[in-house]
N, C-alpha and C. Protein backbone atom coordinates (compact mmCIF):
# COMPACT_ATOMS: atom_id res chain seq x y z
N UNK A 1 -92.80 98.25 90.37
CA UNK A 1 -93.35 97.61 92.24
C UNK A 1 -94.64 98.08 90.89
N UNK A 2 -95.28 96.94 91.75
CA UNK A 2 -96.26 96.18 91.02
C UNK A 2 -97.31 96.75 92.42
N UNK A 3 -98.36 97.35 92.85
CA UNK A 3 -99.22 97.13 93.35
C UNK A 3 -100.46 96.23 93.38
N UNK A 4 -101.02 96.16 94.15
CA UNK A 4 -102.50 95.10 93.87
C UNK A 4 -103.41 95.78 95.28
N UNK A 5 -104.65 95.85 93.96
CA UNK A 5 -105.80 96.85 94.58
C UNK A 5 -105.81 95.99 94.90
N UNK A 6 -106.70 96.10 96.61
CA UNK A 6 -107.14 95.11 97.20
C UNK A 6 -108.66 95.64 96.71
N UNK A 7 -108.93 95.73 96.58
CA UNK A 7 -110.84 95.93 96.27
C UNK A 7 -111.13 95.16 94.60
N UNK A 8 -109.48 94.67 94.12
CA UNK A 8 -109.54 93.97 93.24
C UNK A 8 -110.37 92.66 93.02
N UNK A 9 -111.37 91.89 92.65
CA UNK A 9 -111.34 90.67 92.97
C UNK A 9 -111.53 89.60 92.10
N UNK A 10 -110.71 89.90 91.26
CA UNK A 10 -109.79 89.02 90.31
C UNK A 10 -109.97 87.83 90.55
N UNK A 11 -110.22 86.81 89.35
CA UNK A 11 -109.60 84.97 90.29
C UNK A 11 -108.00 85.37 91.01
N UNK A 12 -107.20 86.34 90.22
CA UNK A 12 -105.38 86.33 90.86
C UNK A 12 -105.61 86.48 92.29
N UNK A 13 -106.65 87.49 92.57
CA UNK A 13 -106.43 88.22 93.76
C UNK A 13 -107.64 87.82 95.13
N UNK A 14 -108.23 86.85 94.54
CA UNK A 14 -109.21 86.38 95.68
C UNK A 14 -108.23 85.24 97.11
N UNK A 15 -108.86 85.60 97.59
CA UNK A 15 -108.93 85.03 99.02
C UNK A 15 -108.87 83.02 98.84
N UNK A 16 -107.50 82.57 99.20
CA UNK A 16 -107.57 80.99 98.39
C UNK A 16 -108.20 80.45 100.03
N UNK A 17 -108.83 79.23 99.92
CA UNK A 17 -109.16 78.72 100.91
C UNK A 17 -108.03 77.90 101.48
N UNK A 18 -108.03 77.80 103.09
CA UNK A 18 -106.65 76.84 103.45
C UNK A 18 -107.12 75.52 103.75
N UNK A 19 -108.72 75.67 104.42
CA UNK A 19 -109.16 73.98 104.86
C UNK A 19 -110.58 74.84 104.60
N UNK A 20 -111.33 73.32 104.72
CA UNK A 20 -112.15 72.99 103.93
C UNK A 20 -113.12 73.11 105.26
N UNK A 21 -114.37 73.54 104.99
CA UNK A 21 -115.20 73.17 106.25
C UNK A 21 -115.24 71.82 106.93
N UNK A 22 -115.32 71.02 106.34
CA UNK A 22 -114.79 69.45 107.12
C UNK A 22 -113.69 69.22 108.11
N UNK A 23 -112.96 69.62 107.44
CA UNK A 23 -111.53 69.69 108.29
C UNK A 23 -111.72 70.90 109.17
N UNK A 24 -112.13 72.02 109.47
CA UNK A 24 -112.27 72.71 110.53
C UNK A 24 -112.80 71.98 111.40
N UNK A 25 -114.64 71.55 110.97
CA UNK A 25 -115.08 70.69 111.93
C UNK A 25 -114.55 69.58 112.63
N UNK A 26 -113.33 68.90 112.17
CA UNK A 26 -112.51 68.15 113.02
C UNK A 26 -111.58 68.79 113.84
N UNK A 27 -111.15 69.77 112.69
CA UNK A 27 -110.38 70.21 114.20
C UNK A 27 -110.17 70.54 115.11
N UNK A 28 -112.47 71.35 115.27
CA UNK A 28 -112.61 72.48 116.39
C UNK A 28 -112.24 70.71 117.07
N UNK A 29 -113.07 69.90 116.90
CA UNK A 29 -113.27 68.05 118.03
C UNK A 29 -112.76 68.05 118.26
N UNK A 30 -111.31 67.54 117.49
CA UNK A 30 -110.19 67.93 118.16
C UNK A 30 -109.58 68.08 119.18
N UNK A 31 -109.92 69.14 118.49
CA UNK A 31 -109.08 69.99 120.14
C UNK A 31 -109.90 70.47 121.11
N UNK A 32 -111.17 70.17 121.05
CA UNK A 32 -112.20 70.01 122.03
C UNK A 32 -112.08 68.95 123.13
N UNK A 33 -111.70 67.68 121.78
CA UNK A 33 -111.32 66.61 123.03
C UNK A 33 -110.18 66.38 123.64
N UNK A 34 -108.73 66.91 122.76
CA UNK A 34 -107.56 66.97 123.89
C UNK A 34 -108.14 68.47 125.08
N UNK A 35 -108.53 69.49 124.93
CA UNK A 35 -109.29 70.05 126.70
C UNK A 35 -109.31 69.36 127.42
N UNK A 36 -110.52 68.31 126.88
CA UNK A 36 -111.22 68.02 127.75
C UNK A 36 -110.72 66.99 128.35
N UNK A 37 -109.88 65.87 127.94
CA UNK A 37 -108.86 65.03 128.49
C UNK A 37 -107.87 65.71 129.56
N UNK A 38 -107.75 66.91 128.56
CA UNK A 38 -106.66 67.26 129.60
C UNK A 38 -107.33 68.43 130.89
N UNK A 39 -108.44 68.16 131.17
CA UNK A 39 -108.92 69.25 131.89
C UNK A 39 -108.98 67.73 133.04
N UNK A 40 -109.83 66.91 132.61
CA UNK A 40 -109.90 65.04 133.69
C UNK A 40 -108.76 64.95 133.91
N UNK A 41 -107.28 65.12 133.14
CA UNK A 41 -106.52 64.60 133.76
C UNK A 41 -106.40 65.53 135.20
N UNK A 42 -106.08 66.37 135.06
CA UNK A 42 -105.79 67.89 135.65
C UNK A 42 -106.40 68.11 137.21
N UNK A 43 -108.31 67.38 137.14
CA UNK A 43 -108.88 66.87 137.76
C UNK A 43 -108.77 65.40 138.90
N UNK A 44 -108.02 64.49 138.10
CA UNK A 44 -107.57 63.54 138.67
C UNK A 44 -106.42 63.81 139.68
N UNK A 45 -105.41 64.55 139.10
CA UNK A 45 -104.04 64.80 140.03
C UNK A 45 -104.12 65.76 140.93
N UNK A 46 -105.21 66.97 140.80
CA UNK A 46 -105.89 67.57 141.99
C UNK A 46 -106.18 66.81 143.07
N UNK A 47 -107.15 65.63 142.81
CA UNK A 47 -108.30 65.27 143.64
C UNK A 47 -106.86 64.11 144.51
N UNK A 48 -105.87 63.29 143.96
CA UNK A 48 -105.36 62.44 144.10
C UNK A 48 -104.46 63.60 145.50
N UNK A 49 -104.08 64.71 144.91
CA UNK A 49 -103.34 65.70 145.77
C UNK A 49 -103.92 65.91 146.83
N UNK A 50 -104.62 66.59 146.12
CA UNK A 50 -105.29 67.11 147.74
C UNK A 50 -105.90 66.41 148.78
N UNK A 51 -106.51 65.14 148.63
CA UNK A 51 -107.19 63.97 149.61
C UNK A 51 -105.92 63.40 150.14
N UNK A 52 -106.13 63.13 151.71
CA UNK A 52 -105.04 61.90 151.79
C UNK A 52 -105.39 60.82 151.60
N UNK A 53 -104.82 59.98 151.87
CA UNK A 53 -104.77 58.18 152.17
C UNK A 53 -104.74 57.61 150.51
N UNK A 54 -105.42 56.45 150.13
CA UNK A 54 -104.91 56.38 149.40
C UNK A 54 -105.58 55.47 148.23
N UNK A 55 -105.94 54.79 146.98
CA UNK A 55 -106.88 54.63 146.30
C UNK A 55 -107.25 53.03 146.56
N UNK A 56 -106.46 52.59 147.13
CA UNK A 56 -106.42 50.62 147.41
C UNK A 56 -106.08 50.74 149.20
N UNK A 57 -106.53 49.42 149.20
CA UNK A 57 -106.12 49.44 150.53
C UNK A 57 -104.71 48.74 150.98
N UNK A 58 -104.24 48.02 149.90
CA UNK A 58 -103.37 47.66 150.32
C UNK A 58 -102.29 49.27 149.64
N UNK A 59 -102.30 50.01 148.63
CA UNK A 59 -101.51 51.35 148.65
C UNK A 59 -101.50 51.85 150.40
N UNK A 60 -102.47 52.12 150.94
CA UNK A 60 -102.43 52.32 152.59
C UNK A 60 -101.67 51.71 153.06
N UNK A 61 -101.92 50.11 153.54
CA UNK A 61 -100.53 49.42 154.02
C UNK A 61 -99.48 50.00 153.64
N UNK A 62 -99.04 49.79 152.61
CA UNK A 62 -97.91 50.01 151.84
C UNK A 62 -96.85 51.20 152.22
N UNK A 63 -97.73 52.08 151.60
CA UNK A 63 -97.31 53.60 151.89
C UNK A 63 -97.38 53.82 153.17
N UNK A 64 -98.38 53.59 154.52
CA UNK A 64 -98.30 53.91 155.76
C UNK A 64 -97.19 53.33 156.71
N UNK A 65 -97.11 52.12 156.16
CA UNK A 65 -95.43 51.21 156.41
C UNK A 65 -94.62 51.40 156.17
N UNK A 66 -94.07 51.91 154.75
CA UNK A 66 -92.69 53.08 154.62
C UNK A 66 -93.00 53.93 155.44
N UNK A 67 -93.62 54.69 155.41
CA UNK A 67 -93.38 56.36 155.92
C UNK A 67 -93.51 55.93 157.83
N UNK A 68 -93.58 54.80 158.11
CA UNK A 68 -92.95 54.61 159.55
C UNK A 68 -91.57 54.15 159.56
N UNK A 69 -91.56 53.03 158.84
CA UNK A 69 -89.97 52.71 158.59
C UNK A 69 -89.05 53.67 158.43
N UNK A 70 -89.39 55.29 157.86
CA UNK A 70 -88.22 55.94 157.62
C UNK A 70 -89.04 57.22 158.03
N UNK A 71 -89.84 56.76 159.01
CA UNK A 71 -90.05 58.34 160.12
C UNK A 71 -90.84 58.96 158.89
N UNK A 72 -91.48 59.37 158.26
CA UNK A 72 -92.03 60.63 157.41
C UNK A 72 -92.99 60.56 158.31
N UNK A 73 -92.54 61.70 158.65
CA UNK A 73 -94.20 62.46 159.79
C UNK A 73 -95.26 62.53 159.41
N UNK A 74 -95.29 63.06 157.63
CA UNK A 74 -96.14 63.47 156.81
C UNK A 74 -97.08 62.64 156.58
N UNK A 75 -96.15 61.74 155.91
CA UNK A 75 -96.72 60.06 155.09
C UNK A 75 -97.60 59.30 156.19
N UNK A 76 -96.60 59.22 157.39
CA UNK A 76 -97.66 58.43 158.50
C UNK A 76 -99.26 59.56 158.62
N UNK A 77 -98.98 60.36 158.56
CA UNK A 77 -100.58 61.33 159.09
C UNK A 77 -101.08 60.73 157.71
N UNK A 78 -100.71 61.22 156.75
CA UNK A 78 -101.43 61.01 155.15
C UNK A 78 -102.39 59.88 155.01
N UNK A 79 -101.93 58.62 155.52
CA UNK A 79 -102.46 57.28 155.54
C UNK A 79 -102.73 56.85 157.09
N UNK A 80 -102.84 57.22 157.66
CA UNK A 80 -103.35 57.06 159.02
C UNK A 80 -104.81 57.03 158.90
N UNK A 81 -105.55 56.34 159.57
CA UNK A 81 -107.01 55.73 160.10
C UNK A 81 -107.18 57.34 161.26
N UNK A 82 -108.33 57.43 161.30
CA UNK A 82 -108.98 57.87 162.99
C UNK A 82 -107.97 57.92 164.13
N UNK A 83 -108.66 56.17 163.59
CA UNK A 83 -108.04 54.89 164.66
C UNK A 83 -106.41 55.19 164.67
N UNK A 84 -105.20 55.05 163.90
CA UNK A 84 -104.77 54.88 164.07
C UNK A 84 -103.68 56.36 164.56
N UNK A 85 -104.26 57.30 164.33
CA UNK A 85 -103.92 59.12 164.42
C UNK A 85 -103.74 58.92 166.61
N UNK A 86 -105.64 57.85 166.97
CA UNK A 86 -105.45 57.95 168.45
C UNK A 86 -104.50 57.74 168.93
N UNK A 87 -104.53 56.31 168.39
CA UNK A 87 -103.41 55.80 169.01
C UNK A 87 -102.21 56.52 169.20
N UNK A 88 -101.91 56.69 168.20
CA UNK A 88 -100.20 57.16 168.05
C UNK A 88 -99.87 58.80 168.85
N UNK A 89 -101.49 59.48 168.85
CA UNK A 89 -101.36 60.18 169.86
C UNK A 89 -101.45 59.60 171.20
N UNK A 90 -101.43 58.97 172.56
CA UNK A 90 -101.65 58.24 173.59
C UNK A 90 -103.13 58.52 173.72
N UNK A 91 -103.99 57.66 172.88
CA UNK A 91 -105.22 57.64 172.98
C UNK A 91 -106.37 58.59 173.27
N UNK A 92 -105.76 59.78 172.83
CA UNK A 92 -106.29 60.34 173.03
C UNK A 92 -106.84 61.59 171.61
N UNK A 93 -107.96 61.94 171.43
CA UNK A 93 -108.63 62.86 170.19
C UNK A 93 -107.30 64.07 170.09
N UNK A 94 -107.05 63.99 168.66
CA UNK A 94 -106.13 64.40 168.72
C UNK A 94 -106.80 65.58 166.89
N UNK A 95 -105.42 66.26 166.10
CA UNK A 95 -105.98 67.17 165.31
C UNK A 95 -104.64 66.60 164.19
N UNK A 96 -104.28 66.95 162.88
CA UNK A 96 -103.40 66.38 162.16
C UNK A 96 -102.16 67.18 162.92
N UNK A 97 -102.50 68.82 162.96
CA UNK A 97 -101.02 69.65 163.47
C UNK A 97 -101.19 68.79 165.11
N UNK A 98 -101.34 69.39 165.65
CA UNK A 98 -101.45 68.17 167.23
C UNK A 98 -100.41 67.17 167.33
N UNK A 99 -100.94 66.21 166.23
CA UNK A 99 -99.92 64.83 165.79
C UNK A 99 -98.96 65.25 164.91
N UNK A 100 -98.60 65.97 164.28
CA UNK A 100 -97.31 65.97 163.70
C UNK A 100 -96.37 66.36 164.72
N UNK A 101 -96.71 67.72 165.40
CA UNK A 101 -95.84 68.10 166.33
C UNK A 101 -95.50 66.97 167.23
N UNK A 102 -96.09 66.20 167.35
CA UNK A 102 -96.42 65.31 168.59
C UNK A 102 -95.16 64.24 168.42
N UNK A 103 -95.18 64.10 167.27
CA UNK A 103 -95.24 63.17 165.87
C UNK A 103 -92.55 64.07 165.80
N UNK A 104 -92.91 64.97 165.80
CA UNK A 104 -92.16 65.93 165.59
C UNK A 104 -90.97 65.65 167.10
N UNK A 105 -91.71 65.68 167.94
CA UNK A 105 -91.19 65.71 169.41
C UNK A 105 -90.63 64.35 169.21
N UNK A 106 -91.26 63.26 169.20
CA UNK A 106 -91.18 61.96 169.50
C UNK A 106 -90.10 61.62 168.85
N UNK A 107 -89.22 61.54 167.63
CA UNK A 107 -88.43 61.18 166.64
C UNK A 107 -87.69 62.67 166.23
N UNK A 108 -87.81 63.44 167.10
CA UNK A 108 -86.31 64.55 167.04
C UNK A 108 -84.93 63.87 167.90
N UNK A 109 -83.71 64.17 167.28
CA UNK A 109 -82.58 63.14 167.63
C UNK A 109 -82.40 61.82 167.63
N UNK A 110 -83.48 60.94 166.25
CA UNK A 110 -83.83 60.07 166.03
C UNK A 110 -83.58 59.95 164.38
N UNK A 111 -82.69 58.50 164.31
CA UNK A 111 -82.49 58.78 162.23
C UNK A 111 -83.08 57.51 162.40
N UNK A 112 -83.81 57.39 160.99
CA UNK A 112 -84.21 56.30 160.91
C UNK A 112 -83.91 54.96 160.74
N UNK A 113 -84.19 53.81 161.34
CA UNK A 113 -82.51 52.88 161.27
C UNK A 113 -83.04 52.26 159.33
N UNK A 114 -84.36 52.56 158.87
CA UNK A 114 -84.00 51.99 157.47
C UNK A 114 -83.87 53.17 156.33
N UNK A 115 -83.79 52.81 155.05
CA UNK A 115 -83.18 53.44 153.48
C UNK A 115 -84.73 52.58 153.73
N UNK A 116 -85.02 54.14 152.20
CA UNK A 116 -86.70 54.19 151.49
C UNK A 116 -86.16 53.42 150.19
N UNK A 117 -84.95 53.44 150.42
CA UNK A 117 -84.39 51.92 149.03
C UNK A 117 -84.56 50.94 148.78
N UNK A 118 -84.56 50.67 149.58
CA UNK A 118 -84.15 49.08 150.49
C UNK A 118 -85.44 48.20 150.92
N UNK A 119 -86.73 49.37 150.90
CA UNK A 119 -87.72 48.88 151.63
C UNK A 119 -88.66 48.27 150.66
N UNK A 120 -89.23 46.81 150.99
CA UNK A 120 -90.17 45.98 149.37
C UNK A 120 -91.15 46.04 150.19
N UNK A 121 -92.23 46.26 149.50
CA UNK A 121 -93.65 45.01 149.51
C UNK A 121 -93.90 44.08 149.20
N UNK A 122 -94.60 43.01 149.42
CA UNK A 122 -94.95 41.99 148.84
C UNK A 122 -96.98 41.60 148.93
N UNK A 123 -97.00 42.05 148.03
CA UNK A 123 -98.79 41.66 148.68
C UNK A 123 -99.64 40.07 148.39
N UNK A 124 -99.97 39.65 149.60
CA UNK A 124 -100.38 37.91 149.45
C UNK A 124 -101.11 38.20 149.17
N UNK A 125 -102.48 39.01 149.85
CA UNK A 125 -104.05 38.51 149.64
C UNK A 125 -104.28 39.97 150.64
N UNK A 126 -105.47 40.62 149.69
CA UNK A 126 -106.44 41.66 150.26
C UNK A 126 -107.66 40.88 150.42
N UNK A 127 -108.49 40.59 151.59
CA UNK A 127 -109.81 40.35 151.24
C UNK A 127 -110.84 41.30 151.85
N UNK A 128 -112.04 41.85 151.55
CA UNK A 128 -112.54 43.53 151.10
C UNK A 128 -113.90 42.87 151.81
N UNK A 129 -114.36 43.70 153.04
CA UNK A 129 -115.72 44.06 153.76
C UNK A 129 -116.47 44.74 152.89
N UNK A 130 -117.95 44.88 153.06
CA UNK A 130 -119.01 46.34 153.42
C UNK A 130 -119.61 45.77 153.93
N UNK A 131 -120.44 46.90 154.98
CA UNK A 131 -120.78 47.22 156.42
C UNK A 131 -121.88 45.62 156.35
N UNK A 132 -121.42 44.98 157.08
CA UNK A 132 -122.72 43.42 157.12
C UNK A 132 -122.42 42.47 156.51
N UNK A 133 -121.15 42.75 155.79
CA UNK A 133 -120.59 41.71 155.64
C UNK A 133 -119.49 40.77 156.01
N UNK A 134 -119.71 39.30 155.55
CA UNK A 134 -118.16 38.48 156.57
C UNK A 134 -117.33 38.82 157.90
N UNK A 135 -116.45 39.35 158.00
CA UNK A 135 -115.49 39.81 158.89
C UNK A 135 -115.45 41.01 159.73
N UNK A 136 -116.44 41.84 159.27
CA UNK A 136 -116.52 43.32 158.97
C UNK A 136 -116.29 43.97 159.66
N UNK A 137 -117.85 43.65 160.93
CA UNK A 137 -118.02 43.82 162.62
C UNK A 137 -116.69 43.20 163.55
N UNK A 138 -116.60 42.24 163.04
CA UNK A 138 -115.14 41.78 163.56
C UNK A 138 -113.96 42.52 163.59
N UNK A 139 -113.97 43.19 162.51
CA UNK A 139 -112.42 43.90 162.53
C UNK A 139 -112.13 45.34 162.44
N UNK A 140 -113.44 45.86 162.37
CA UNK A 140 -113.83 47.51 162.51
C UNK A 140 -114.52 47.50 164.46
N UNK A 141 -114.73 46.18 165.09
CA UNK A 141 -115.22 47.09 166.34
C UNK A 141 -113.64 46.78 167.21
N UNK A 142 -112.53 46.81 167.37
CA UNK A 142 -111.47 47.74 167.91
C UNK A 142 -110.91 49.26 167.90
N UNK A 143 -111.69 49.69 166.06
CA UNK A 143 -111.60 50.70 165.66
C UNK A 143 -112.72 51.35 166.04
N UNK A 144 -114.21 51.24 166.19
CA UNK A 144 -115.54 52.00 166.91
C UNK A 144 -114.80 51.93 168.29
N UNK A 145 -113.92 51.12 169.32
CA UNK A 145 -113.32 51.68 170.46
C UNK A 145 -112.66 53.08 170.87
N UNK A 146 -112.13 53.25 170.00
CA UNK A 146 -111.34 54.58 169.87
C UNK A 146 -111.62 55.71 169.17
N UNK A 147 -111.70 55.49 167.71
CA UNK A 147 -113.05 56.61 166.75
C UNK A 147 -114.42 56.24 166.56
N UNK A 148 -114.85 57.17 164.95
CA UNK A 148 -115.56 56.73 165.10
C UNK A 148 -116.36 55.89 163.30
N UNK A 149 -116.44 54.63 163.76
CA UNK A 149 -116.46 53.41 163.26
C UNK A 149 -118.14 53.98 161.94
N UNK A 150 -118.30 54.58 162.03
CA UNK A 150 -119.91 55.08 161.59
C UNK A 150 -118.98 55.49 160.30
N UNK A 151 -117.97 56.70 159.93
CA UNK A 151 -117.67 56.60 158.49
C UNK A 151 -117.02 55.71 158.00
N UNK A 152 -116.48 54.17 158.90
CA UNK A 152 -116.68 53.12 157.30
C UNK A 152 -117.52 52.88 156.14
N UNK A 153 -116.96 52.28 155.05
CA UNK A 153 -117.89 52.12 154.05
C UNK A 153 -117.37 50.75 153.65
N UNK A 154 -116.19 50.65 153.51
CA UNK A 154 -115.51 48.41 153.78
C UNK A 154 -114.53 48.65 154.80
N UNK A 155 -114.35 47.68 155.30
CA UNK A 155 -112.34 47.44 155.81
C UNK A 155 -112.06 46.15 154.56
N UNK A 156 -110.90 46.10 155.06
CA UNK A 156 -110.18 44.70 154.50
C UNK A 156 -108.99 44.31 155.86
N UNK A 157 -108.49 43.51 155.18
CA UNK A 157 -107.38 42.62 155.75
C UNK A 157 -106.26 42.38 154.51
N UNK A 158 -105.00 42.71 154.65
CA UNK A 158 -104.45 42.95 153.91
C UNK A 158 -103.21 42.14 154.18
N UNK A 159 -102.72 41.07 153.74
CA UNK A 159 -101.49 40.25 154.15
C UNK A 159 -100.71 40.61 153.35
N UNK A 160 -99.77 41.04 153.89
CA UNK A 160 -98.46 41.86 153.21
C UNK A 160 -97.10 41.06 153.99
N UNK A 161 -96.38 40.79 152.91
CA UNK A 161 -94.51 41.26 153.56
C UNK A 161 -93.79 42.03 153.24
N UNK A 162 -93.77 42.88 153.87
CA UNK A 162 -93.10 43.57 154.58
C UNK A 162 -91.19 43.66 154.65
N UNK A 163 -90.10 43.68 153.73
CA UNK A 163 -88.75 43.28 153.79
C UNK A 163 -88.53 44.95 153.69
N UNK A 164 -87.74 44.83 155.12
CA UNK A 164 -87.32 46.19 155.10
C UNK A 164 -86.09 46.39 155.17
N UNK A 165 -85.04 45.50 154.56
CA UNK A 165 -84.20 45.57 153.99
C UNK A 165 -82.63 44.66 154.84
N UNK A 166 -83.69 44.13 156.20
CA UNK A 166 -82.96 43.79 157.01
C UNK A 166 -83.27 42.51 157.47
N UNK A 167 -85.19 42.44 157.18
CA UNK A 167 -84.99 41.27 157.67
C UNK A 167 -86.78 41.42 157.22
N UNK A 168 -87.69 40.50 156.76
CA UNK A 168 -88.64 40.63 156.19
C UNK A 168 -89.84 39.51 156.85
N UNK A 169 -90.86 40.36 157.33
CA UNK A 169 -92.58 39.81 158.17
C UNK A 169 -93.53 39.71 157.50
N UNK A 170 -94.13 38.59 157.24
CA UNK A 170 -95.24 39.14 156.70
C UNK A 170 -96.31 38.83 158.19
N UNK A 171 -97.83 39.73 157.84
CA UNK A 171 -98.36 40.70 158.42
C UNK A 171 -99.63 40.32 157.65
N UNK A 172 -100.17 40.83 158.89
CA UNK A 172 -102.40 40.56 158.40
C UNK A 172 -102.29 42.34 158.92
N UNK A 173 -102.77 43.43 157.99
CA UNK A 173 -103.32 44.09 158.38
C UNK A 173 -104.74 44.59 157.70
N UNK A 174 -105.23 45.89 159.09
CA UNK A 174 -107.02 46.34 158.63
C UNK A 174 -106.06 47.77 158.11
N UNK A 175 -107.26 47.67 156.99
CA UNK A 175 -107.63 49.10 156.14
C UNK A 175 -108.41 49.21 156.22
N UNK A 176 -109.17 50.28 156.44
CA UNK A 176 -110.35 51.00 155.80
C UNK A 176 -111.13 51.58 155.37
N UNK A 177 -112.14 52.38 154.20
CA UNK A 177 -112.47 53.12 153.45
C UNK A 177 -113.66 53.70 154.21
N UNK A 178 -113.07 55.47 154.38
CA UNK A 178 -113.84 56.18 154.69
C UNK A 178 -113.86 56.95 153.60
N UNK A 179 -114.98 57.87 153.32
CA UNK A 179 -114.96 58.73 152.04
C UNK A 179 -114.98 57.28 150.52
N UNK A 180 -113.93 58.09 149.87
CA UNK A 180 -113.64 57.94 148.77
C UNK A 180 -112.33 57.24 148.89
N UNK A 181 -111.29 57.56 150.09
CA UNK A 181 -110.43 56.39 150.14
C UNK A 181 -109.72 55.45 151.00
N UNK A 182 -109.08 55.05 150.95
CA UNK A 182 -108.02 54.22 152.35
C UNK A 182 -107.08 54.23 153.21
N UNK A 183 -107.45 53.63 154.67
CA UNK A 183 -106.42 54.90 155.52
C UNK A 183 -105.60 53.18 156.43
N UNK A 184 -104.63 53.15 156.97
CA UNK A 184 -104.32 52.56 157.78
C UNK A 184 -105.08 52.54 158.82
N UNK A 185 -104.69 51.03 159.10
CA UNK A 185 -106.23 51.48 160.57
C UNK A 185 -104.98 50.69 162.08
N UNK A 186 -104.74 48.99 161.84
CA UNK A 186 -104.18 48.66 162.67
C UNK A 186 -103.27 47.39 162.00
N UNK A 187 -102.33 46.95 162.74
CA UNK A 187 -101.90 45.78 162.11
C UNK A 187 -102.37 44.42 163.32
N UNK A 188 -103.24 43.44 162.37
CA UNK A 188 -104.14 42.29 163.56
C UNK A 188 -103.15 41.56 164.29
N UNK A 189 -103.41 41.21 165.67
CA UNK A 189 -102.57 40.26 166.12
C UNK A 189 -101.97 41.31 166.82
N UNK A 190 -101.76 42.15 166.92
CA UNK A 190 -100.50 43.40 167.65
C UNK A 190 -101.11 43.71 169.32
């Protein structure tokens, strides 16, 4: 048996370099970059999962309409503005829990007449307004009668065609931006 003396540092027993310093540095930066990107993606996913509303006015309208057509109570609440929640609760102040219970009782025994797979949306146009611009005051005025309009940063008129699998309707809807997210407010002319 050939035994190697670990204290013998002849050329054949010296530890070999596996990586150069430059390679180690590049791999360290690469690993840090991957970790940083992963953390950023997780933050975006957590933000999206935790906060209600939608990132755009058209998504707020479409997601609310889909939820309403299939009686998805959680979706209705998630995409509803403070104004719409008040209207849904019989023009009274509410909380998400009270509204959820109220809608559950209201939908009890009913089956949604539409199938989610058959519902399609076609965006026609979006007009966004900031405070003091264009029609902002006009389209947020009904909102201010039932809810706190001071929280609204932007308002949008979303013209969308909703095809529920049985018929299609093009209508204008109002969406509002409160904080960083958009919410369905009401249908214009209704």
